Each structure stands twice: as C-alpha cells, then as structure tokens.
Amino acid sequence: QGRPVEAGGGLVQSGASRRLACVIPGSLFRWNVVDWYRQGPGKKRDLVATIDEGGATNYSTIARGRFVISRDNARNTIYLQMNNLNVDDTAVYYCHYGGIWGQGTELTVSS
C-alpha cells in the first residue's frame, strides 16, 4: 500500500471552514480504519478523528461538534470537513492508516 497524500491546507481566518482530503493509493477496502491527526506548533501529535470501513466515526474532544470525517471509496479519499476554525486549530494535519503516515498538510488559522 502506498503513502497517503493530504491536501487542502492553507491560510484561513478565524470562523472559516476548510475541507482537507487524504488520497490513499491502492485498494481502500483493505484497511478498516483511517485517522486524521494533527500537530500544532510545539505540541505533540493528537488524534482528531477516525473512520472505519463501514463509515462509523469517532471524534476527539477537539473535533467533536465542529469537524466531520467522511470517506469516498470510489475516489480512495478520506475527507475532514472543519467548521468554525479558530487559532488553536493551527497545525499540520496528517492522514494515517495501517501504520503509514502521510507527509501532512499545514493549516494556519489567523485571528
């Protein structure tokens, strides 16, 4: 299986929304669980959200109520829709599956 490739980061203002995408090469159906993590400046990498093969989701406290993880199996893509962003959401966002990490996509939220 290949390395996931994230996209969608950038610079946004506080209160804005942003959607990140993670494309996983190869057959997505071999993997039950795909995660989004994030690492803010000077912080450890934290789990944001998880989705399994059946579409069941789980969210960390930081994401619950604002973020939505979803998957498009036809496109081998996992999405992270993030709403009502604030400066604390500034981080590099990583996609992870089967022990394989993407290179990350950087999101900066300005006040």
PDB file of N, CA and C in Angstrom:
ATOM      1  N   GLN A   1       0.831  -1.190   0.000  1.00  0.00           N
ATOM      2  CA  GLN A   1       0.000   0.000   0.000  1.00  0.00           C
ATOM      3  C   GLN A   1       0.866   1.241   0.000  1.00  0.00           C
ATOM      4  N   GLY A   2       0.389   2.274  -0.679  1.00  0.00           N
ATOM      5  CA  GLY A   2       1.170   3.494  -0.796  1.00  0.00           C
ATOM      6  C   GLY A   2       0.929   4.450   0.346  1.00  0.00           C
ATOM      7  N   ARG A   3       1.744   5.492   0.323  1.00  0.00           N
ATOM      8  CA  ARG A   3       1.655   6.529   1.343  1.00  0.00           C
ATOM      9  C   ARG A   3       0.468   7.421   1.044  1.00  0.00           C
ATOM     10  N   PRO A   4      -0.323   7.772   2.056  1.00  0.00           N
ATOM     11  CA  PRO A   4      -1.435   8.691   1.815  1.00  0.00           C
ATOM     12  C   PRO A   4      -0.927  10.081   1.473  1.00  0.00           C
ATOM     13  N   VAL A   5      -1.687  10.813   0.692  1.00  0.00           N
ATOM     14  CA  VAL A   5      -1.333  12.161   0.282  1.00  0.00           C
ATOM     15  C   VAL A   5      -2.439  13.109   0.724  1.00  0.00           C
ATOM     16  N   GLU A   6      -2.073  14.054   1.589  1.00  0.00           N
ATOM     17  CA  GLU A   6      -3.025  15.028   2.093  1.00  0.00           C
ATOM     18  C   GLU A   6      -2.988  16.301   1.261  1.00  0.00           C
ATOM     19  N   ALA A   7      -4.116  16.990   1.250  1.00  0.00           N
ATOM     20  CA  ALA A   7      -4.223  18.275   0.563  1.00  0.00           C
ATOM     21  C   ALA A   7      -5.322  19.097   1.217  1.00  0.00           C
ATOM     22  N   GLY A   8      -5.277  20.399   0.980  1.00  0.00           N
ATOM     23  CA  GLY A   8      -6.356  21.258   1.440  1.00  0.00           C
ATOM     24  C   GLY A   8      -5.963  22.275   2.491  1.00  0.00           C
ATOM     25  N   GLY A   9      -4.739  22.190   3.001  1.00  0.00           N
ATOM     26  CA  GLY A   9      -4.306  23.166   3.989  1.00  0.00           C
ATOM     27  C   GLY A   9      -4.136  24.545   3.371  1.00  0.00           C
ATOM     28  N   GLY A  10      -3.766  25.485   4.209  1.00  0.00           N
ATOM     29  CA  GLY A  10      -3.566  26.847   3.733  1.00  0.00           C
ATOM     30  C   GLY A  10      -3.790  27.830   4.858  1.00  0.00           C
ATOM     31  N   LEU A  11      -4.057  29.066   4.490  1.00  0.00           N
ATOM     32  CA  LEU A  11      -4.284  30.130   5.460  1.00  0.00           C
ATOM     33  C   LEU A  11      -5.749  30.537   5.409  1.00  0.00           C
ATOM     34  N   VAL A  12      -6.410  30.494   6.556  1.00  0.00           N
ATOM     35  CA  VAL A  12      -7.811  30.889   6.648  1.00  0.00           C
ATOM     36  C   VAL A  12      -7.988  31.801   7.853  1.00  0.00           C
ATOM     37  N   GLN A  13      -9.103  32.502   7.876  1.00  0.00           N
ATOM     38  CA  GLN A  13      -9.398  33.364   9.009  1.00  0.00           C
ATOM     39  C   GLN A  13     -10.226  32.620  10.052  1.00  0.00           C
ATOM     40  N   SER A  14     -10.130  33.082  11.265  1.00  0.00           N
ATOM     41  CA  SER A  14     -10.921  32.515  12.340  1.00  0.00           C
ATOM     42  C   SER A  14     -12.402  32.548  11.981  1.00  0.00           C
ATOM     43  N   GLY A  15     -13.090  31.445  12.258  1.00  0.00           N
ATOM     44  CA  GLY A  15     -14.500  31.337  11.933  1.00  0.00           C
ATOM     45  C   GLY A  15     -14.785  30.680  10.602  1.00  0.00           C
ATOM     46  N   ALA A  16     -13.768  30.521   9.792  1.00  0.00           N
ATOM     47  CA  ALA A  16     -13.940  29.950   8.459  1.00  0.00           C
ATOM     48  C   ALA A  16     -14.058  28.423   8.529  1.00  0.00           C
ATOM     49  N   SER A  17     -14.384  27.836   7.379  1.00  0.00           N
ATOM     50  CA  SER A  17     -14.417  26.394   7.216  1.00  0.00           C
ATOM     51  C   SER A  17     -13.352  25.976   6.209  1.00  0.00           C
ATOM     52  N   ARG A  18     -12.957  24.721   6.305  1.00  0.00           N
ATOM     53  CA  ARG A  18     -11.963  24.190   5.368  1.00  0.00           C
ATOM     54  C   ARG A  18     -12.158  22.692   5.283  1.00  0.00           C
ATOM     55  N   ARG A  19     -11.944  22.148   4.079  1.00  0.00           N
ATOM     56  CA  ARG A  19     -12.018  20.706   3.924  1.00  0.00           C
ATOM     57  C   ARG A  19     -10.667  20.156   3.492  1.00  0.00           C
ATOM     58  N   LEU A  20     -10.178  19.213   4.256  1.00  0.00           N
ATOM     59  CA  LEU A  20      -8.944  18.518   3.911  1.00  0.00           C
ATOM     60  C   LEU A  20      -9.288  17.197   3.226  1.00  0.00           C
ATOM     61  N   ALA A  21      -8.393  16.756   2.367  1.00  0.00           N
ATOM     62  CA  ALA A  21      -8.572  15.494   1.670  1.00  0.00           C
ATOM     63  C   ALA A  21      -7.335  14.623   1.829  1.00  0.00           C
ATOM     64  N   CYS A  22      -7.557  13.336   1.911  1.00  0.00           N
ATOM     65  CA  CYS A  22      -6.464  12.360   2.012  1.00  0.00           C
ATOM     66  C   CYS A  22      -6.723  11.278   0.973  1.00  0.00           C
ATOM     67  N   VAL A  23      -5.843  11.178   0.009  1.00  0.00           N
ATOM     68  CA  VAL A  23      -5.964  10.154  -1.024  1.00  0.00           C
ATOM     69  C   VAL A  23      -5.033   9.007  -0.667  1.00  0.00           C
ATOM     70  N   ILE A  24      -5.587   7.819  -0.628  1.00  0.00           N
ATOM     71  CA  ILE A  24      -4.802   6.624  -0.285  1.00  0.00           C
ATOM     72  C   ILE A  24      -4.663   5.767  -1.531  1.00  0.00           C
ATOM     73  N   PRO A  25      -3.431   5.585  -2.028  1.00  0.00           N
ATOM     74  CA  PRO A  25      -3.227   4.763  -3.219  1.00  0.00           C
ATOM     75  C   PRO A  25      -3.592   3.309  -2.955  1.00  0.00           C
ATOM     76  N   GLY A  26      -4.035   2.626  -4.003  1.00  0.00           N
ATOM     77  CA  GLY A  26      -4.339   1.226  -3.858  1.00  0.00           C
ATOM     78  C   GLY A  26      -5.751   0.999  -3.388  1.00  0.00           C
ATOM     79  N   SER A  27      -6.025  -0.198  -2.974  1.00  0.00           N
ATOM     80  CA  SER A  27      -7.374  -0.571  -2.574  1.00  0.00           C
ATOM     81  C   SER A  27      -7.691  -0.086  -1.169  1.00  0.00           C
ATOM     82  N   LEU A  28      -8.666   0.788  -1.052  1.00  0.00           N
ATOM     83  CA  LEU A  28      -9.049   1.312   0.247  1.00  0.00           C
ATOM     84  C   LEU A  28      -9.719   0.251   1.104  1.00  0.00           C
ATOM     85  N   PHE A  29     -10.296  -0.736   0.494  1.00  0.00           N
ATOM     86  CA  PHE A  29     -11.102  -1.685   1.249  1.00  0.00           C
ATOM     87  C   PHE A  29     -10.275  -2.620   2.118  1.00  0.00           C
ATOM     88  N   ARG A  30      -8.961  -2.631   1.907  1.00  0.00           N
ATOM     89  CA  ARG A  30      -8.115  -3.494   2.736  1.00  0.00           C
ATOM     90  C   ARG A  30      -7.933  -2.932   4.134  1.00  0.00           C
ATOM     91  N   TRP A  31      -8.247  -1.654   4.302  1.00  0.00           N
ATOM     92  CA  TRP A  31      -7.977  -1.018   5.587  1.00  0.00           C
ATOM     93  C   TRP A  31      -9.275  -0.645   6.277  1.00  0.00           C
ATOM     94  N   ASN A  32      -9.411  -1.088   7.506  1.00  0.00           N
ATOM     95  CA  ASN A  32     -10.633  -0.809   8.250  1.00  0.00           C
ATOM     96  C   ASN A  32     -10.694   0.603   8.796  1.00  0.00           C
ATOM     97  N   VAL A  33      -9.572   1.130   9.199  1.00  0.00           N
ATOM     98  CA  VAL A  33      -9.569   2.379   9.940  1.00  0.00           C
ATOM     99  C   VAL A  33      -8.602   3.392   9.309  1.00  0.00           C
ATOM    100  N   VAL A  34      -9.087   4.588   9.131  1.00  0.00           N
ATOM    101  CA  VAL A  34      -8.237   5.695   8.683  1.00  0.00           C
ATOM    102  C   VAL A  34      -8.424   6.840   9.678  1.00  0.00           C
ATOM    103  N   ASP A  35      -7.321   7.459  10.026  1.00  0.00           N
ATOM    104  CA  ASP A  35      -7.355   8.525  11.034  1.00  0.00           C
ATOM    105  C   ASP A  35      -6.840   9.842  10.474  1.00  0.00           C
ATOM    106  N   TRP A  36      -7.327  10.912  11.046  1.00  0.00           N
ATOM    107  CA  TRP A  36      -6.704  12.221  10.898  1.00  0.00           C
ATOM    108  C   TRP A  36      -6.087  12.574  12.251  1.00  0.00           C
ATOM    109  N   TYR A  37      -4.838  13.009  12.212  1.00  0.00           N
ATOM    110  CA  TYR A  37      -4.138  13.531  13.378  1.00  0.00           C
ATOM    111  C   TYR A  37      -3.739  14.972  13.067  1.00  0.00           C
ATOM    112  N   ARG A  38      -3.325  15.679  14.107  1.00  0.00           N
ATOM    113  CA  ARG A  38      -2.757  16.997  13.898  1.00  0.00           C
ATOM    114  C   ARG A  38      -1.672  17.271  14.929  1.00  0.00           C
ATOM    115  N   GLN A  39      -0.737  18.133  14.525  1.00  0.00           N
ATOM    116  CA  GLN A  39       0.339  18.544  15.413  1.00  0.00           C
ATOM    117  C   GLN A  39       0.515  20.041  15.308  1.00  0.00           C
ATOM    118  N   GLY A  40       0.162  20.740  16.375  1.00  0.00           N
ATOM    119  CA  GLY A  40       0.325  22.183  16.406  1.00  0.00           C
ATOM    120  C   GLY A  40       1.751  22.563  16.758  1.00  0.00           C
ATOM    121  N   PRO A  41       2.110  23.824  16.595  1.00  0.00           N
ATOM    122  CA  PRO A  41       3.468  24.297  16.908  1.00  0.00           C
ATOM    123  C   PRO A  41       3.846  24.013  18.357  1.00  0.00           C
ATOM    124  N   GLY A  42       4.918  23.277  18.559  1.00  0.00           N
ATOM    125  CA  GLY A  42       5.382  22.971  19.894  1.00  0.00           C
ATOM    126  C   GLY A  42       4.527  21.968  20.650  1.00  0.00           C
ATOM    127  N   LYS A  43       3.617  21.305  19.945  1.00  0.00           N
ATOM    128  CA  LYS A  43       2.711  20.362  20.594  1.00  0.00           C
ATOM    129  C   LYS A  43       2.943  18.954  20.084  1.00  0.00           C
ATOM    130  N   LYS A  44       2.406  17.981  20.805  1.00  0.00           N
ATOM    131  CA  LYS A  44       2.505  16.596  20.343  1.00  0.00           C
ATOM    132  C   LYS A  44       1.417  16.322  19.307  1.00  0.00           C
ATOM    133  N   ARG A  45       1.581  15.223  18.585  1.00  0.00           N
ATOM    134  CA  ARG A  45       0.602  14.845  17.580  1.00  0.00           C
ATOM    135  C   ARG A  45      -0.618  14.224  18.266  1.00  0.00           C
ATOM    136  N   ASP A  46      -1.770  14.749  17.953  1.00  0.00           N
ATOM    137  CA  ASP A  46      -3.009  14.303  18.587  1.00  0.00           C
ATOM    138  C   ASP A  46      -3.980  13.727  17.565  1.00  0.00           C
ATOM    139  N   LEU A  47      -4.732  12.731  17.984  1.00  0.00           N
ATOM    140  CA  LEU A  47      -5.787  12.168  17.153  1.00  0.00           C
ATOM    141  C   LEU A  47      -6.934  13.164  17.030  1.00  0.00           C
ATOM    142  N   VAL A  48      -7.434  13.331  15.817  1.00  0.00           N
ATOM    143  CA  VAL A  48      -8.559  14.228  15.574  1.00  0.00           C
ATOM    144  C   VAL A  48      -9.834  13.436  15.336  1.00  0.00           C
ATOM    145  N   ALA A  49      -9.786  12.509  14.397  1.00  0.00           N
ATOM    146  CA  ALA A  49     -10.992  11.758  14.041  1.00  0.00           C
ATOM    147  C   ALA A  49     -10.614  10.454  13.355  1.00  0.00           C
ATOM    148  N   THR A  50     -11.532   9.510  13.419  1.00  0.00           N
ATOM    149  CA  THR A  50     -11.317   8.175  12.870  1.00  0.00           C
ATOM    150  C   THR A  50     -12.564   7.731  12.119  1.00  0.00           C
ATOM    151  N   ILE A  51     -12.344   6.995  11.023  1.00  0.00           N
ATOM    152  CA  ILE A  51     -13.474   6.405  10.294  1.00  0.00           C
ATOM    153  C   ILE A  51     -13.110   4.976   9.911  1.00  0.00           C
ATOM    154  N   ASP A  52     -14.066   4.055  10.072  1.00  0.00           N
ATOM    155  CA  ASP A  52     -13.767   2.668   9.726  1.00  0.00           C
ATOM    156  C   ASP A  52     -14.361   2.328   8.363  1.00  0.00           C
ATOM    157  N   GLU A  53     -14.170   1.073   7.973  1.00  0.00           N
ATOM    158  CA  GLU A  53     -14.587   0.634   6.634  1.00  0.00           C
ATOM    159  C   GLU A  53     -16.078   0.803   6.428  1.00  0.00           C
ATOM    160  N   GLY A  54     -16.846   0.658   7.494  1.00  0.00           N
ATOM    161  CA  GLY A  54     -18.292   0.787   7.369  1.00  0.00           C
ATOM    162  C   GLY A  54     -18.796   2.204   7.476  1.00  0.00           C
ATOM    163  N   GLY A  55     -17.885   3.134   7.698  1.00  0.00           N
ATOM    164  CA  GLY A  55     -18.275   4.534   7.802  1.00  0.00           C
ATOM    165  C   GLY A  55     -18.533   5.005   9.217  1.00  0.00           C
ATOM    166  N   ALA A  56     -18.348   4.115  10.189  1.00  0.00           N
ATOM    167  CA  ALA A  56     -18.515   4.550  11.577  1.00  0.00           C
ATOM    168  C   ALA A  56     -17.394   5.503  11.956  1.00  0.00           C
ATOM    169  N   THR A  57     -17.746   6.534  12.694  1.00  0.00           N
ATOM    170  CA  THR A  57     -16.782   7.590  13.002  1.00  0.00           C
ATOM    171  C   THR A  57     -16.589   7.753  14.497  1.00  0.00           C
ATOM    172  N   ASN A  58     -15.450   8.346  14.833  1.00  0.00           N
ATOM    173  CA  ASN A  58     -15.163   8.663  16.220  1.00  0.00           C
ATOM    174  C   ASN A  58     -14.364   9.950  16.234  1.00  0.00           C
ATOM    175  N   TYR A  59     -14.657  10.808  17.183  1.00  0.00           N
ATOM    176  CA  TYR A  59     -14.016  12.123  17.231  1.00  0.00           C
ATOM    177  C   TYR A  59     -13.388  12.359  18.597  1.00  0.00           C
ATOM    178  N   SER A  60     -12.264  13.075  18.561  1.00  0.00           N
ATOM    179  CA  SER A  60     -11.675  13.531  19.800  1.00  0.00           C
ATOM    180  C   SER A  60     -12.450  14.740  20.304  1.00  0.00           C
ATOM    181  N   THR A  61     -12.152  15.122  21.519  1.00  0.00           N
ATOM    182  CA  THR A  61     -12.826  16.268  22.118  1.00  0.00           C
ATOM    183  C   THR A  61     -12.618  17.531  21.292  1.00  0.00           C
ATOM    184  N   ILE A  62     -11.419  17.676  20.724  1.00  0.00           N
ATOM    185  CA  ILE A  62     -11.113  18.894  19.977  1.00  0.00           C
ATOM    186  C   ILE A  62     -11.928  18.998  18.688  1.00  0.00           C
ATOM    187  N   ALA A  63     -12.435  17.876  18.210  1.00  0.00           N
ATOM    188  CA  ALA A  63     -13.110  17.864  16.914  1.00  0.00           C
ATOM    189  C   ALA A  63     -14.622  17.731  17.021  1.00  0.00           C
ATOM    190  N   ARG A  64     -15.075  17.133  18.096  1.00  0.00           N
ATOM    191  CA  ARG A  64     -16.497  16.806  18.213  1.00  0.00           C
ATOM    192  C   ARG A  64     -17.360  18.068  18.130  1.00  0.00           C
ATOM    193  N   GLY A  65     -18.339  18.028  17.233  1.00  0.00           N
ATOM    194  CA  GLY A  65     -19.251  19.153  17.064  1.00  0.00           C
ATOM    195  C   GLY A  65     -18.821  20.159  16.017  1.00  0.00           C
ATOM    196  N   ARG A  66     -17.548  20.137  15.606  1.00  0.00           N
ATOM    197  CA  ARG A  66     -17.077  21.090  14.599  1.00  0.00           C
ATOM    198  C   ARG A  66     -16.537  20.423  13.343  1.00  0.00           C
ATOM    199  N   PHE A  67     -15.980  19.223  13.507  1.00  0.00           N
ATOM    200  CA  PHE A  67     -15.350  18.548  12.377  1.00  0.00           C
ATOM    201  C   PHE A  67     -16.178  17.326  11.987  1.00  0.00           C
ATOM    202  N   VAL A  68     -16.110  16.999  10.700  1.00  0.00           N
ATOM    203  CA  VAL A  68     -16.788  15.807  10.196  1.00  0.00           C
ATOM    204  C   VAL A  68     -15.823  15.031   9.307  1.00  0.00           C
ATOM    205  N   ILE A  69     -15.614  13.763   9.628  1.00  0.00           N
ATOM    206  CA  ILE A  69     -14.778  12.890   8.799  1.00  0.00           C
ATOM    207  C   ILE A  69     -15.686  12.039   7.922  1.00  0.00           C
ATOM    208  N   SER A  70     -15.313  11.875   6.682  1.00  0.00           N
ATOM    209  CA  SER A  70     -16.126  11.083   5.757  1.00  0.00           C
ATOM    210  C   SER A  70     -15.199  10.402   4.759  1.00  0.00           C
ATOM    211  N   ARG A  71     -15.780   9.470   3.991  1.00  0.00           N
ATOM    212  CA  ARG A  71     -14.945   8.759   3.020  1.00  0.00           C
ATOM    213  C   ARG A  71     -15.705   8.601   1.707  1.00  0.00           C
ATOM    214  N   ASP A  72     -14.967   8.637   0.618  1.00  0.00           N
ATOM    215  CA  ASP A  72     -15.489   8.362  -0.716  1.00  0.00           C
ATOM    216  C   ASP A  72     -14.670   7.195  -1.254  1.00  0.00           C
ATOM    217  N   ASN A  73     -15.203   6.000  -1.121  1.00  0.00           N
ATOM    218  CA  ASN A  73     -14.436   4.823  -1.501  1.00  0.00           C
ATOM    219  C   ASN A  73     -14.158   4.774  -3.003  1.00  0.00           C
ATOM    220  N   ALA A  74     -15.038   5.340  -3.796  1.00  0.00           N
ATOM    221  CA  ALA A  74     -14.818   5.346  -5.247  1.00  0.00           C
ATOM    222  C   ALA A  74     -13.602   6.178  -5.625  1.00  0.00           C
ATOM    223  N   ARG A  75     -13.275   7.132  -4.782  1.00  0.00           N
ATOM    224  CA  ARG A  75     -12.127   8.009  -5.045  1.00  0.00           C
ATOM    225  C   ARG A  75     -10.949   7.727  -4.116  1.00  0.00           C
ATOM    226  N   ASN A  76     -11.054   6.670  -3.307  1.00  0.00           N
ATOM    227  CA  ASN A  76      -9.975   6.349  -2.359  1.00  0.00           C
ATOM    228  C   ASN A  76      -9.608   7.566  -1.499  1.00  0.00           C
ATOM    229  N   THR A  77     -10.597   8.297  -1.083  1.00  0.00           N
ATOM    230  CA  THR A  77     -10.338   9.567  -0.413  1.00  0.00           C
ATOM    231  C   THR A  77     -11.090   9.653   0.913  1.00  0.00           C
ATOM    232  N   ILE A  78     -10.388  10.162   1.914  1.00  0.00           N
ATOM    233  CA  ILE A  78     -10.958  10.489   3.210  1.00  0.00           C
ATOM    234  C   ILE A  78     -10.971  12.001   3.341  1.00  0.00           C
ATOM    235  N   TYR A  79     -12.079  12.554   3.801  1.00  0.00           N
ATOM    236  CA  TYR A  79     -12.188  13.994   3.971  1.00  0.00           C
ATOM    237  C   TYR A  79     -12.285  14.353   5.450  1.00  0.00           C
ATOM    238  N   LEU A  80     -11.834  15.563   5.748  1.00  0.00           N
ATOM    239  CA  LEU A  80     -12.050  16.138   7.065  1.00  0.00           C
ATOM    240  C   LEU A  80     -12.618  17.534   6.852  1.00  0.00           C
ATOM    241  N   GLN A  81     -13.910  17.676   7.075  1.00  0.00           N
ATOM    242  CA  GLN A  81     -14.561  18.972   6.995  1.00  0.00           C
ATOM    243  C   GLN A  81     -14.445  19.651   8.349  1.00  0.00           C
ATOM    244  N   MET A  82     -13.848  20.832   8.356  1.00  0.00           N
ATOM    245  CA  MET A  82     -13.613  21.553   9.602  1.00  0.00           C
ATOM    246  C   MET A  82     -14.367  22.875   9.557  1.00  0.00           C
ATOM    247  N   ASN A  83     -15.173  23.113  10.561  1.00  0.00           N
ATOM    248  CA  ASN A  83     -16.003  24.312  10.619  1.00  0.00           C
ATOM    249  C   ASN A  83     -15.657  25.152  11.841  1.00  0.00           C
ATOM    250  N   ASN A  84     -15.987  26.429  11.743  1.00  0.00           N
ATOM    251  CA  ASN A  84     -15.777  27.352  12.857  1.00  0.00           C
ATOM    252  C   ASN A  84     -14.343  27.246  13.403  1.00  0.00           C
ATOM    253  N   LEU A  85     -13.397  27.374  12.499  1.00  0.00           N
ATOM    254  CA  LEU A  85     -11.990  27.233  12.874  1.00  0.00           C
ATOM    255  C   LEU A  85     -11.543  28.378  13.774  1.00  0.00           C
ATOM    256  N   ASN A  86     -10.609  28.063  14.653  1.00  0.00           N
ATOM    257  CA  ASN A  86     -10.002  29.097  15.494  1.00  0.00           C
ATOM    258  C   ASN A  86      -8.493  28.919  15.492  1.00  0.00           C
ATOM    259  N   VAL A  87      -7.790  29.868  16.101  1.00  0.00           N
ATOM    260  CA  VAL A  87      -6.323  29.872  16.011  1.00  0.00           C
ATOM    261  C   VAL A  87      -5.718  28.606  16.615  1.00  0.00           C
ATOM    262  N   ASP A  88      -6.428  27.974  17.555  1.00  0.00           N
ATOM    263  CA  ASP A  88      -5.921  26.754  18.167  1.00  0.00           C
ATOM    264  C   ASP A  88      -5.953  25.560  17.212  1.00  0.00           C
ATOM    265  N   ASP A  89      -6.633  25.717  16.088  1.00  0.00           N
ATOM    266  CA  ASP A  89      -6.672  24.655  15.086  1.00  0.00           C
ATOM    267  C   ASP A  89      -5.466  24.717  14.145  1.00  0.00           C
ATOM    268  N   THR A  90      -4.631  25.733  14.302  1.00  0.00           N
ATOM    269  CA  THR A  90      -3.420  25.832  13.502  1.00  0.00           C
ATOM    270  C   THR A  90      -2.525  24.623  13.773  1.00  0.00           C
ATOM    271  N   ALA A  91      -2.204  23.884  12.723  1.00  0.00           N
ATOM    272  CA  ALA A  91      -1.441  22.653  12.899  1.00  0.00           C
ATOM    273  C   ALA A  91      -1.110  22.058  11.534  1.00  0.00           C
ATOM    274  N   VAL A  92      -0.221  21.078  11.560  1.00  0.00           N
ATOM    275  CA  VAL A  92      -0.051  20.211  10.404  1.00  0.00           C
ATOM    276  C   VAL A  92      -0.989  19.028  10.614  1.00  0.00           C
ATOM    277  N   TYR A  93      -1.807  18.753   9.608  1.00  0.00           N
ATOM    278  CA  TYR A  93      -2.791  17.684   9.693  1.00  0.00           C
ATOM    279  C   TYR A  93      -2.286  16.474   8.897  1.00  0.00           C
ATOM    280  N   TYR A  94      -2.309  15.327   9.555  1.00  0.00           N
ATOM    281  CA  TYR A  94      -1.769  14.107   8.971  1.00  0.00           C
ATOM    282  C   TYR A  94      -2.861  13.048   8.813  1.00  0.00           C
ATOM    283  N   CYS A  95      -2.768  12.332   7.719  1.00  0.00           N
ATOM    284  CA  CYS A  95      -3.612  11.168   7.487  1.00  0.00           C
ATOM    285  C   CYS A  95      -2.805   9.915   7.832  1.00  0.00           C
ATOM    286  N   HIS A  96      -3.471   8.948   8.419  1.00  0.00           N
ATOM    287  CA  HIS A  96      -2.786   7.744   8.861  1.00  0.00           C
ATOM    288  C   HIS A  96      -3.668   6.520   8.619  1.00  0.00           C
ATOM    289  N   TYR A  97      -3.064   5.449   8.131  1.00  0.00           N
ATOM    290  CA  TYR A  97      -3.764   4.176   8.028  1.00  0.00           C
ATOM    291  C   TYR A  97      -2.739   3.052   8.017  1.00  0.00           C
ATOM    292  N   GLY A  98      -3.051   1.952   8.641  1.00  0.00           N
ATOM    293  CA  GLY A  98      -2.203   0.769   8.622  1.00  0.00           C
ATOM    294  C   GLY A  98      -0.757   1.030   9.005  1.00  0.00           C
ATOM    295  N   GLY A  99      -0.507   1.979   9.889  1.00  0.00           N
ATOM    296  CA  GLY A  99       0.852   2.295  10.304  1.00  0.00           C
ATOM    297  C   GLY A  99       1.614   3.198   9.347  1.00  0.00           C
ATOM    298  N   ILE A 100       0.934   3.693   8.324  1.00  0.00           N
ATOM    299  CA  ILE A 100       1.569   4.539   7.305  1.00  0.00           C
ATOM    300  C   ILE A 100       1.049   5.967   7.452  1.00  0.00           C
ATOM    301  N   TRP A 101       1.984   6.925   7.466  1.00  0.00           N
ATOM    302  CA  TRP A 101       1.647   8.342   7.621  1.00  0.00           C
ATOM    303  C   TRP A 101       1.843   9.079   6.314  1.00  0.00           C
ATOM    304  N   GLY A 102       0.976  10.069   6.091  1.00  0.00           N
ATOM    305  CA  GLY A 102       1.216  10.996   5.007  1.00  0.00           C
ATOM    306  C   GLY A 102       2.225  12.052   5.420  1.00  0.00           C
ATOM    307  N   GLN A 103       2.527  12.945   4.476  1.00  0.00           N
ATOM    308  CA  GLN A 103       3.509  14.000   4.748  1.00  0.00           C
ATOM    309  C   GLN A 103       2.896  15.174   5.482  1.00  0.00           C
ATOM    310  N   GLY A 104       1.587  15.231   5.512  1.00  0.00           N
ATOM    311  CA  GLY A 104       0.881  16.290   6.223  1.00  0.00           C
ATOM    312  C   GLY A 104       0.540  17.462   5.334  1.00  0.00           C
ATOM    313  N   THR A 105      -0.487  18.191   5.747  1.00  0.00           N
ATOM    314  CA  THR A 105      -0.855  19.437   5.085  1.00  0.00           C
ATOM    315  C   THR A 105      -1.032  20.485   6.178  1.00  0.00           C
ATOM    316  N   GLU A 106      -0.441  21.651   5.963  1.00  0.00           N
ATOM    317  CA  GLU A 106      -0.394  22.659   7.009  1.00  0.00           C
ATOM    318  C   GLU A 106      -1.567  23.620   6.908  1.00  0.00           C
ATOM    319  N   LEU A 107      -2.221  23.822   8.025  1.00  0.00           N
ATOM    320  CA  LEU A 107      -3.330  24.764   8.121  1.00  0.00           C
ATOM    321  C   LEU A 107      -2.974  25.840   9.128  1.00  0.00           C
ATOM    322  N   THR A 108      -3.118  27.080   8.718  1.00  0.00           N
ATOM    323  CA  THR A 108      -2.912  28.208   9.607  1.00  0.00           C
ATOM    324  C   THR A 108      -4.194  29.005   9.707  1.00  0.00           C
ATOM    325  N   VAL A 109      -4.644  29.223  10.933  1.00  0.00           N
ATOM    326  CA  VAL A 109      -5.856  30.000  11.175  1.00  0.00           C
ATOM    327  C   VAL A 109      -5.454  31.325  11.804  1.00  0.00           C
ATOM    328  N   SER A 110      -5.781  32.408  11.145  1.00  0.00           N
ATOM    329  CA  SER A 110      -5.435  33.730  11.658  1.00  0.00           C
ATOM    330  C   SER A 110      -6.618  34.331  12.423  1.00  0.00           C
ATOM    331  N   SER A 111      -6.294  35.192  13.380  1.00  0.00           N
ATOM    332  CA  SER A 111      -7.354  35.809  14.192  1.00  0.00           C
ATOM    333  C   SER A 111      -7.923  37.041  13.524  1.00  0.00           C
TER     334      SER A 111
END
